[in-house]
Amino acid sequence: MSRKVMRVSFGAIAFGCIVLFIIGMTPADAQHSKFNNHYLWGSYASQLTGTINCPEGHPLSPFNGPFALTGRVTADGKGNAWGTVYDNYNGMLVNYSWEGAYDMNPDGTFLLDVYAELEGMGEIYLQMFGVLCDNGKQVRLMHVGPTYAPNMVGTTIIGSWIRQ
C-alpha cells in the first residue's frame, strides 16, 4: 500500500473516531429530542419530601413543617395522570386521590397540574415540574406552583417516581 493511501486511510479513521467520540459524549436524549406524552405512561411508585411553610390564613398553613408523600401514580401516555397517596403533614397523615394533566416537551421536561380534594379544605391545585430519566422509567419532580406560589415562600418539595 502506498504512503499516500495509508495517510488518507489513517486520516479517515482518525476523523471517524473523533466524530464517534463527540456523538458518544452527547447525552442520548439530547441527540434525538424525541420526547412526547407517550414517554410518561404506566404505574409509578411515588415519593416526595420537603417542608411546607405558608403564611397564616393560607389553606395549607396548619400543615407547616416537614412533609412526606408516598403512593402510586398512573400516567396514560396521553397527558393525563392520577394517583392515590398518603401525605404526612408535620405528623398528620392524610390519604387522598388526585387527578392531573401534563404536557411533555421534546427535551423530556414537563409541567404537571394536580387537583386534589382534601377533606375540610376543598380542592387544592398544585403544579410540579418534572424531567424524565431512563426513557421514562423514572421521573424527578419539584413543586413549582400553584399560582399563589408567592404565598408559599420557603415551601420546598422534591422527589421521584419509579415505574413499577
N, C-alpha and C. Protein backbone atom coordinates (compact mmCIF):
# COMPACT_ATOMS: atom_id res chain seq x y z
N MET A 1 0.85 -1.17 0.00
CA MET A 1 0.00 0.00 0.00
C MET A 1 0.90 1.24 0.00
N SER A 2 0.58 2.22 -0.81
CA SER A 2 1.42 3.40 -0.90
C SER A 2 1.21 4.29 0.32
N ARG A 3 2.20 5.16 0.54
CA ARG A 3 2.13 6.06 1.70
C ARG A 3 0.94 7.01 1.61
N LYS A 4 0.63 7.48 0.41
CA LYS A 4 -0.48 8.41 0.23
C LYS A 4 -1.80 7.76 0.62
N VAL A 5 -2.02 6.50 0.19
CA VAL A 5 -3.25 5.79 0.53
C VAL A 5 -3.30 5.54 2.03
N MET A 6 -2.17 5.19 2.63
CA MET A 6 -2.15 4.94 4.08
C MET A 6 -2.45 6.21 4.86
N ARG A 7 -1.90 7.39 4.40
CA ARG A 7 -2.18 8.65 5.09
C ARG A 7 -3.67 9.00 5.01
N VAL A 8 -4.26 8.81 3.84
CA VAL A 8 -5.69 9.08 3.67
C VAL A 8 -6.50 8.13 4.54
N SER A 9 -6.12 6.85 4.59
CA SER A 9 -6.84 5.87 5.40
C SER A 9 -6.75 6.20 6.88
N PHE A 10 -5.54 6.54 7.35
CA PHE A 10 -5.38 6.90 8.76
C PHE A 10 -6.14 8.19 9.08
N GLY A 11 -6.13 9.14 8.14
CA GLY A 11 -6.89 10.38 8.34
C GLY A 11 -8.37 10.12 8.44
N ALA A 12 -8.90 9.25 7.58
CA ALA A 12 -10.33 8.91 7.62
C ALA A 12 -10.67 8.20 8.92
N ILE A 13 -9.80 7.30 9.36
CA ILE A 13 -10.03 6.58 10.62
C ILE A 13 -10.01 7.55 11.79
N ALA A 14 -9.04 8.48 11.82
CA ALA A 14 -8.95 9.46 12.90
C ALA A 14 -10.19 10.35 12.93
N PHE A 15 -10.63 10.82 11.75
CA PHE A 15 -11.84 11.64 11.67
C PHE A 15 -13.05 10.88 12.19
N GLY A 16 -13.19 9.62 11.76
CA GLY A 16 -14.31 8.79 12.22
C GLY A 16 -14.30 8.60 13.72
N CYS A 17 -13.12 8.41 14.30
CA CYS A 17 -13.01 8.25 15.76
C CYS A 17 -13.42 9.52 16.49
N ILE A 18 -13.01 10.68 15.95
CA ILE A 18 -13.38 11.95 16.58
C ILE A 18 -14.89 12.14 16.54
N VAL A 19 -15.50 11.87 15.40
CA VAL A 19 -16.97 12.00 15.27
C VAL A 19 -17.66 11.07 16.25
N LEU A 20 -17.24 9.82 16.33
CA LEU A 20 -17.85 8.87 17.27
C LEU A 20 -17.66 9.31 18.71
N PHE A 21 -16.51 9.88 19.02
CA PHE A 21 -16.26 10.36 20.38
C PHE A 21 -17.23 11.48 20.74
N ILE A 22 -17.40 12.45 19.81
CA ILE A 22 -18.30 13.57 20.06
C ILE A 22 -19.73 13.08 20.23
N ILE A 23 -20.17 12.18 19.36
CA ILE A 23 -21.52 11.63 19.48
C ILE A 23 -21.67 10.88 20.78
N GLY A 24 -20.66 10.14 21.19
CA GLY A 24 -20.71 9.38 22.43
C GLY A 24 -20.77 10.27 23.65
N MET A 25 -20.20 11.47 23.60
CA MET A 25 -20.19 12.39 24.73
C MET A 25 -21.51 13.15 24.85
N THR A 26 -22.30 13.19 23.79
CA THR A 26 -23.58 13.88 23.82
C THR A 26 -24.61 12.95 24.44
N PRO A 27 -25.36 13.40 25.47
CA PRO A 27 -26.38 12.53 26.06
C PRO A 27 -27.33 12.02 24.99
N ALA A 28 -27.70 10.75 25.10
CA ALA A 28 -28.55 10.12 24.09
C ALA A 28 -29.86 10.88 23.92
N ASP A 29 -30.43 11.36 25.01
CA ASP A 29 -31.71 12.05 24.92
C ASP A 29 -31.57 13.38 24.17
N ALA A 30 -30.41 14.05 24.33
CA ALA A 30 -30.21 15.33 23.66
C ALA A 30 -29.97 15.14 22.17
N GLN A 31 -29.48 13.96 21.78
CA GLN A 31 -29.21 13.70 20.37
C GLN A 31 -30.51 13.68 19.57
N HIS A 32 -31.58 13.25 20.18
CA HIS A 32 -32.81 13.00 19.44
C HIS A 32 -33.94 13.97 19.77
N SER A 33 -33.97 14.56 20.97
CA SER A 33 -35.08 15.42 21.38
C SER A 33 -36.40 14.81 20.94
N LYS A 34 -36.65 13.62 21.39
CA LYS A 34 -37.73 12.80 20.86
C LYS A 34 -38.93 12.68 21.79
N PHE A 35 -38.88 13.29 22.95
CA PHE A 35 -39.90 13.00 23.94
C PHE A 35 -41.25 13.61 23.60
N ASN A 36 -42.30 12.89 23.99
CA ASN A 36 -43.68 13.35 23.88
C ASN A 36 -44.46 12.71 25.02
N ASN A 37 -45.75 12.98 25.11
CA ASN A 37 -46.56 12.46 26.22
C ASN A 37 -46.48 10.95 26.38
N HIS A 38 -46.27 10.24 25.28
CA HIS A 38 -46.24 8.78 25.33
C HIS A 38 -45.14 8.23 26.25
N TYR A 39 -44.08 8.99 26.45
CA TYR A 39 -42.96 8.51 27.26
C TYR A 39 -43.30 8.46 28.75
N LEU A 40 -44.36 9.14 29.16
CA LEU A 40 -44.80 9.08 30.56
C LEU A 40 -46.08 8.24 30.59
N TRP A 41 -45.93 6.96 30.84
CA TRP A 41 -47.07 6.05 30.85
C TRP A 41 -46.80 4.92 31.85
N GLY A 42 -47.86 4.34 32.35
CA GLY A 42 -47.75 3.21 33.27
C GLY A 42 -47.91 3.63 34.72
N SER A 43 -47.63 2.70 35.61
CA SER A 43 -47.76 2.94 37.05
C SER A 43 -46.38 3.21 37.65
N TYR A 44 -46.35 4.15 38.55
CA TYR A 44 -45.11 4.56 39.20
C TYR A 44 -45.28 4.56 40.71
N ALA A 45 -44.23 4.17 41.43
CA ALA A 45 -44.17 4.39 42.87
C ALA A 45 -43.71 5.84 43.05
N SER A 46 -44.38 6.57 43.92
CA SER A 46 -44.10 8.00 44.09
C SER A 46 -43.61 8.26 45.51
N GLN A 47 -42.58 9.09 45.61
CA GLN A 47 -42.10 9.52 46.92
C GLN A 47 -41.63 10.96 46.81
N LEU A 48 -42.20 11.83 47.64
CA LEU A 48 -41.83 13.24 47.69
C LEU A 48 -41.56 13.62 49.13
N THR A 49 -40.62 14.52 49.35
CA THR A 49 -40.32 15.01 50.69
C THR A 49 -40.04 16.50 50.64
N GLY A 50 -40.12 17.14 51.77
CA GLY A 50 -39.79 18.56 51.83
C GLY A 50 -40.34 19.22 53.07
N THR A 51 -40.55 20.52 52.95
CA THR A 51 -41.04 21.35 54.05
C THR A 51 -42.11 22.29 53.52
N ILE A 52 -43.19 22.41 54.26
CA ILE A 52 -44.24 23.37 53.91
C ILE A 52 -44.10 24.56 54.84
N ASN A 53 -44.16 25.75 54.24
CA ASN A 53 -44.01 26.98 55.01
C ASN A 53 -44.91 28.04 54.39
N CYS A 54 -46.16 28.09 54.82
CA CYS A 54 -47.13 29.04 54.28
C CYS A 54 -47.51 30.06 55.35
N PRO A 55 -47.86 31.28 54.94
CA PRO A 55 -48.26 32.29 55.92
C PRO A 55 -49.62 31.97 56.55
N GLU A 56 -49.88 32.55 57.70
CA GLU A 56 -51.17 32.38 58.36
C GLU A 56 -52.29 32.75 57.40
N GLY A 57 -53.37 31.97 57.45
CA GLY A 57 -54.51 32.21 56.59
C GLY A 57 -54.48 31.42 55.30
N HIS A 58 -53.33 30.95 54.92
CA HIS A 58 -53.21 30.11 53.72
C HIS A 58 -53.83 28.75 54.03
N PRO A 59 -54.53 28.10 53.06
CA PRO A 59 -55.18 26.82 53.34
C PRO A 59 -54.23 25.74 53.87
N LEU A 60 -52.95 25.82 53.50
CA LEU A 60 -52.01 24.80 53.96
C LEU A 60 -51.21 25.21 55.21
N SER A 61 -51.43 26.44 55.72
CA SER A 61 -50.64 26.89 56.87
C SER A 61 -50.78 25.99 58.12
N PRO A 62 -51.94 25.34 58.34
CA PRO A 62 -51.99 24.44 59.51
C PRO A 62 -51.02 23.26 59.39
N PHE A 63 -50.50 23.02 58.19
CA PHE A 63 -49.61 21.89 57.96
C PHE A 63 -48.14 22.30 57.86
N ASN A 64 -47.81 23.53 58.21
CA ASN A 64 -46.42 23.98 58.13
C ASN A 64 -45.51 23.02 58.89
N GLY A 65 -44.39 22.70 58.27
CA GLY A 65 -43.42 21.79 58.86
C GLY A 65 -43.00 20.72 57.87
N PRO A 66 -42.44 19.63 58.38
CA PRO A 66 -41.97 18.56 57.49
C PRO A 66 -43.10 17.95 56.69
N PHE A 67 -42.78 17.55 55.46
CA PHE A 67 -43.76 16.95 54.55
C PHE A 67 -43.16 15.70 53.94
N ALA A 68 -43.98 14.66 53.79
CA ALA A 68 -43.58 13.44 53.08
C ALA A 68 -44.80 12.86 52.39
N LEU A 69 -44.58 12.24 51.25
CA LEU A 69 -45.66 11.62 50.49
C LEU A 69 -45.15 10.31 49.92
N THR A 70 -46.00 9.30 49.94
CA THR A 70 -45.72 8.06 49.23
C THR A 70 -47.02 7.57 48.64
N GLY A 71 -46.94 6.94 47.49
CA GLY A 71 -48.16 6.47 46.86
C GLY A 71 -47.90 5.87 45.50
N ARG A 72 -48.99 5.70 44.78
CA ARG A 72 -48.95 5.10 43.44
C ARG A 72 -49.56 6.09 42.46
N VAL A 73 -48.85 6.31 41.36
CA VAL A 73 -49.27 7.25 40.32
C VAL A 73 -49.40 6.49 39.01
N THR A 74 -50.39 6.85 38.21
CA THR A 74 -50.55 6.26 36.88
C THR A 74 -50.63 7.39 35.86
N ALA A 75 -49.91 7.21 34.75
CA ALA A 75 -49.96 8.14 33.63
C ALA A 75 -50.37 7.35 32.39
N ASP A 76 -51.23 7.94 31.57
CA ASP A 76 -51.77 7.20 30.42
C ASP A 76 -51.02 7.42 29.11
N GLY A 77 -49.97 8.22 29.12
CA GLY A 77 -49.24 8.48 27.89
C GLY A 77 -49.94 9.44 26.95
N LYS A 78 -51.07 9.99 27.40
CA LYS A 78 -51.85 10.92 26.58
C LYS A 78 -52.02 12.27 27.25
N GLY A 79 -51.28 12.50 28.34
CA GLY A 79 -51.35 13.78 29.03
C GLY A 79 -52.17 13.77 30.30
N ASN A 80 -52.64 12.60 30.73
CA ASN A 80 -53.44 12.50 31.95
C ASN A 80 -52.71 11.66 32.99
N ALA A 81 -52.83 12.06 34.25
CA ALA A 81 -52.22 11.30 35.34
C ALA A 81 -53.14 11.35 36.54
N TRP A 82 -53.04 10.34 37.41
CA TRP A 82 -53.84 10.28 38.63
C TRP A 82 -53.10 9.41 39.63
N GLY A 83 -53.48 9.57 40.88
CA GLY A 83 -52.80 8.78 41.89
C GLY A 83 -53.58 8.71 43.19
N THR A 84 -53.14 7.78 44.02
CA THR A 84 -53.64 7.64 45.38
C THR A 84 -52.41 7.66 46.28
N VAL A 85 -52.41 8.57 47.24
CA VAL A 85 -51.21 8.79 48.05
C VAL A 85 -51.56 8.96 49.52
N TYR A 86 -50.55 8.80 50.34
CA TYR A 86 -50.58 9.18 51.75
C TYR A 86 -49.61 10.33 51.92
N ASP A 87 -50.07 11.41 52.51
CA ASP A 87 -49.21 12.54 52.85
C ASP A 87 -49.02 12.55 54.36
N ASN A 88 -47.85 12.98 54.77
CA ASN A 88 -47.58 13.24 56.18
C ASN A 88 -47.27 14.72 56.29
N TYR A 89 -48.24 15.47 56.81
CA TYR A 89 -48.09 16.91 57.01
C TYR A 89 -47.71 17.15 58.46
N ASN A 90 -46.44 17.29 58.74
CA ASN A 90 -45.97 17.60 60.09
C ASN A 90 -46.55 16.63 61.12
N GLY A 91 -46.63 15.35 60.75
CA GLY A 91 -47.10 14.31 61.65
C GLY A 91 -48.55 13.90 61.46
N MET A 92 -49.31 14.64 60.66
CA MET A 92 -50.71 14.30 60.42
C MET A 92 -50.82 13.57 59.08
N LEU A 93 -51.35 12.34 59.12
CA LEU A 93 -51.49 11.53 57.90
C LEU A 93 -52.79 11.85 57.18
N VAL A 94 -52.70 12.01 55.86
CA VAL A 94 -53.86 12.29 55.02
C VAL A 94 -53.79 11.38 53.80
N ASN A 95 -54.84 10.63 53.56
CA ASN A 95 -54.93 9.76 52.39
C ASN A 95 -55.93 10.37 51.41
N TYR A 96 -55.55 10.47 50.15
CA TYR A 96 -56.44 11.05 49.15
C TYR A 96 -56.03 10.60 47.75
N SER A 97 -56.91 10.87 46.81
CA SER A 97 -56.64 10.63 45.40
C SER A 97 -56.56 11.96 44.68
N TRP A 98 -55.84 12.00 43.60
CA TRP A 98 -55.72 13.23 42.81
C TRP A 98 -55.78 12.90 41.32
N GLU A 99 -56.08 13.93 40.54
CA GLU A 99 -56.08 13.84 39.08
C GLU A 99 -55.25 14.99 38.55
N GLY A 100 -54.69 14.81 37.37
CA GLY A 100 -53.88 15.89 36.81
C GLY A 100 -53.67 15.75 35.32
N ALA A 101 -52.98 16.73 34.78
CA ALA A 101 -52.67 16.75 33.36
C ALA A 101 -51.24 17.23 33.17
N TYR A 102 -50.59 16.73 32.12
CA TYR A 102 -49.23 17.13 31.82
C TYR A 102 -49.07 17.27 30.30
N ASP A 103 -48.05 18.01 29.91
CA ASP A 103 -47.72 18.16 28.50
C ASP A 103 -46.20 18.07 28.38
N MET A 104 -45.73 17.00 27.75
CA MET A 104 -44.30 16.71 27.65
C MET A 104 -43.64 17.59 26.59
N ASN A 105 -42.51 18.16 26.94
CA ASN A 105 -41.69 18.91 25.99
C ASN A 105 -40.73 17.95 25.29
N PRO A 106 -40.25 18.30 24.10
CA PRO A 106 -39.34 17.42 23.36
C PRO A 106 -38.06 17.07 24.13
N ASP A 107 -37.66 17.92 25.09
CA ASP A 107 -36.45 17.65 25.85
C ASP A 107 -36.67 16.77 27.08
N GLY A 108 -37.91 16.28 27.28
CA GLY A 108 -38.20 15.39 28.39
C GLY A 108 -38.63 16.09 29.67
N THR A 109 -38.84 17.39 29.63
CA THR A 109 -39.35 18.12 30.79
C THR A 109 -40.85 18.34 30.62
N PHE A 110 -41.53 18.54 31.75
CA PHE A 110 -42.98 18.78 31.67
C PHE A 110 -43.47 19.48 32.93
N LEU A 111 -44.64 20.09 32.81
CA LEU A 111 -45.35 20.63 33.96
C LEU A 111 -46.55 19.73 34.21
N LEU A 112 -46.76 19.39 35.47
CA LEU A 112 -47.89 18.56 35.88
C LEU A 112 -48.81 19.40 36.75
N ASP A 113 -50.05 19.58 36.29
CA ASP A 113 -51.07 20.29 37.08
C ASP A 113 -51.85 19.25 37.86
N VAL A 114 -51.89 19.40 39.17
CA VAL A 114 -52.51 18.41 40.07
C VAL A 114 -53.70 19.05 40.78
N TYR A 115 -54.82 18.32 40.79
CA TYR A 115 -56.02 18.75 41.50
C TYR A 115 -56.40 17.66 42.48
N ALA A 116 -56.55 18.05 43.74
CA ALA A 116 -56.91 17.08 44.77
C ALA A 116 -57.98 17.66 45.68
N GLU A 117 -58.88 16.83 46.09
CA GLU A 117 -59.93 17.22 47.03
C GLU A 117 -59.50 16.76 48.42
N LEU A 118 -59.17 17.71 49.30
CA LEU A 118 -58.75 17.37 50.66
C LEU A 118 -59.87 17.71 51.62
N GLU A 119 -60.22 16.75 52.45
CA GLU A 119 -61.32 16.91 53.39
C GLU A 119 -61.11 18.14 54.26
N GLY A 120 -62.14 18.98 54.30
CA GLY A 120 -62.09 20.18 55.13
C GLY A 120 -61.41 21.36 54.45
N MET A 121 -60.78 21.15 53.29
CA MET A 121 -60.08 22.24 52.62
C MET A 121 -60.59 22.47 51.20
N GLY A 122 -61.38 21.56 50.69
CA GLY A 122 -61.84 21.69 49.32
C GLY A 122 -60.76 21.28 48.33
N GLU A 123 -60.91 21.77 47.10
CA GLU A 123 -59.96 21.40 46.05
C GLU A 123 -58.66 22.20 46.19
N ILE A 124 -57.57 21.50 46.10
CA ILE A 124 -56.24 22.10 46.15
C ILE A 124 -55.60 21.92 44.78
N TYR A 125 -54.96 22.97 44.27
CA TYR A 125 -54.26 22.91 43.00
C TYR A 125 -52.77 23.08 43.25
N LEU A 126 -51.97 22.18 42.69
CA LEU A 126 -50.52 22.25 42.78
C LEU A 126 -49.92 22.07 41.40
N GLN A 127 -48.72 22.59 41.21
CA GLN A 127 -48.02 22.38 39.96
C GLN A 127 -46.61 21.87 40.25
N MET A 128 -46.24 20.81 39.52
CA MET A 128 -44.93 20.20 39.67
C MET A 128 -44.18 20.32 38.34
N PHE A 129 -42.87 20.55 38.43
CA PHE A 129 -42.01 20.49 37.26
C PHE A 129 -41.31 19.15 37.29
N GLY A 130 -41.32 18.44 36.17
CA GLY A 130 -40.72 17.12 36.13
C GLY A 130 -39.77 16.96 34.96
N VAL A 131 -38.88 15.99 35.08
CA VAL A 131 -37.99 15.63 34.00
C VAL A 131 -37.88 14.11 33.96
N LEU A 132 -38.01 13.56 32.75
CA LEU A 132 -37.91 12.11 32.56
C LEU A 132 -36.46 11.66 32.68
N CYS A 133 -36.28 10.49 33.25
CA CYS A 133 -34.97 9.86 33.32
C CYS A 133 -35.13 8.43 32.82
N ASP A 134 -34.07 7.89 32.26
CA ASP A 134 -34.06 6.49 31.83
C ASP A 134 -35.24 6.18 30.90
N ASN A 135 -35.46 7.05 29.91
CA ASN A 135 -36.54 6.89 28.93
C ASN A 135 -37.92 6.73 29.56
N GLY A 136 -38.16 7.44 30.63
CA GLY A 136 -39.48 7.43 31.25
C GLY A 136 -39.65 6.41 32.36
N LYS A 137 -38.62 5.64 32.67
CA LYS A 137 -38.73 4.67 33.76
C LYS A 137 -38.66 5.35 35.11
N GLN A 138 -38.10 6.56 35.14
CA GLN A 138 -38.03 7.34 36.36
C GLN A 138 -38.35 8.80 36.04
N VAL A 139 -38.83 9.51 37.05
CA VAL A 139 -39.17 10.92 36.91
C VAL A 139 -38.65 11.63 38.15
N ARG A 140 -38.03 12.78 37.96
CA ARG A 140 -37.65 13.65 39.07
C ARG A 140 -38.61 14.83 39.07
N LEU A 141 -39.10 15.20 40.25
CA LEU A 141 -40.13 16.23 40.37
C LEU A 141 -39.76 17.28 41.41
N MET A 142 -40.28 18.49 41.19
CA MET A 142 -40.14 19.57 42.17
C MET A 142 -41.40 20.42 42.14
N HIS A 143 -41.89 20.78 43.30
CA HIS A 143 -43.06 21.65 43.43
C HIS A 143 -42.68 23.05 42.94
N VAL A 144 -43.45 23.60 41.99
CA VAL A 144 -43.17 24.93 41.46
C VAL A 144 -44.36 25.87 41.51
N GLY A 145 -45.50 25.40 41.91
CA GLY A 145 -46.68 26.26 41.89
C GLY A 145 -47.62 25.83 42.98
N PRO A 146 -48.65 26.45 43.14
CA PRO A 146 -49.60 26.99 42.19
C PRO A 146 -49.41 28.48 41.95
N THR A 147 -50.47 29.05 41.36
CA THR A 147 -50.42 30.46 41.03
C THR A 147 -50.26 31.30 42.28
N TYR A 148 -50.63 30.78 43.44
CA TYR A 148 -50.41 31.53 44.68
C TYR A 148 -49.07 31.15 45.31
N ALA A 149 -48.13 30.72 44.49
CA ALA A 149 -46.82 30.30 44.99
C ALA A 149 -46.12 31.36 45.82
N PRO A 150 -46.26 32.67 45.51
CA PRO A 150 -45.58 33.65 46.37
C PRO A 150 -46.01 33.54 47.83
N ASN A 151 -47.21 33.02 48.07
CA ASN A 151 -47.68 32.82 49.44
C ASN A 151 -47.11 31.55 50.06
N MET A 152 -46.33 30.81 49.31
CA MET A 152 -45.74 29.57 49.82
C MET A 152 -44.23 29.72 49.92
N VAL A 153 -43.76 30.92 50.20
CA VAL A 153 -42.33 31.19 50.30
C VAL A 153 -41.71 30.24 51.31
N GLY A 154 -40.64 29.59 50.92
CA GLY A 154 -39.96 28.65 51.80
C GLY A 154 -40.45 27.23 51.68
N THR A 155 -41.52 26.99 50.92
CA THR A 155 -42.01 25.63 50.72
C THR A 155 -41.14 24.95 49.68
N THR A 156 -40.59 23.79 50.05
CA THR A 156 -39.74 23.02 49.14
C THR A 156 -40.20 21.57 49.16
N ILE A 157 -40.59 21.06 48.00
CA ILE A 157 -41.00 19.66 47.89
C ILE A 157 -40.33 19.09 46.64
N ILE A 158 -39.57 18.01 46.82
CA ILE A 158 -38.91 17.34 45.70
C ILE A 158 -39.09 15.84 45.84
N GLY A 159 -38.88 15.12 44.76
CA GLY A 159 -38.99 13.67 44.86
C GLY A 159 -38.89 12.99 43.52
N SER A 160 -39.34 11.75 43.48
CA SER A 160 -39.22 10.97 42.26
C SER A 160 -40.35 9.96 42.13
N TRP A 161 -40.54 9.54 40.89
CA TRP A 161 -41.42 8.43 40.56
C TRP A 161 -40.54 7.36 39.92
N ILE A 162 -40.82 6.11 40.24
CA ILE A 162 -40.11 4.98 39.63
C ILE A 162 -41.16 4.03 39.08
N ARG A 163 -41.02 3.72 37.78
CA ARG A 163 -42.01 2.85 37.13
C ARG A 163 -42.00 1.47 37.80
N GLN A 164 -43.21 0.97 38.08
CA GLN A 164 -43.35 -0.35 38.71
C GLN A 164 -43.17 -1.44 37.69
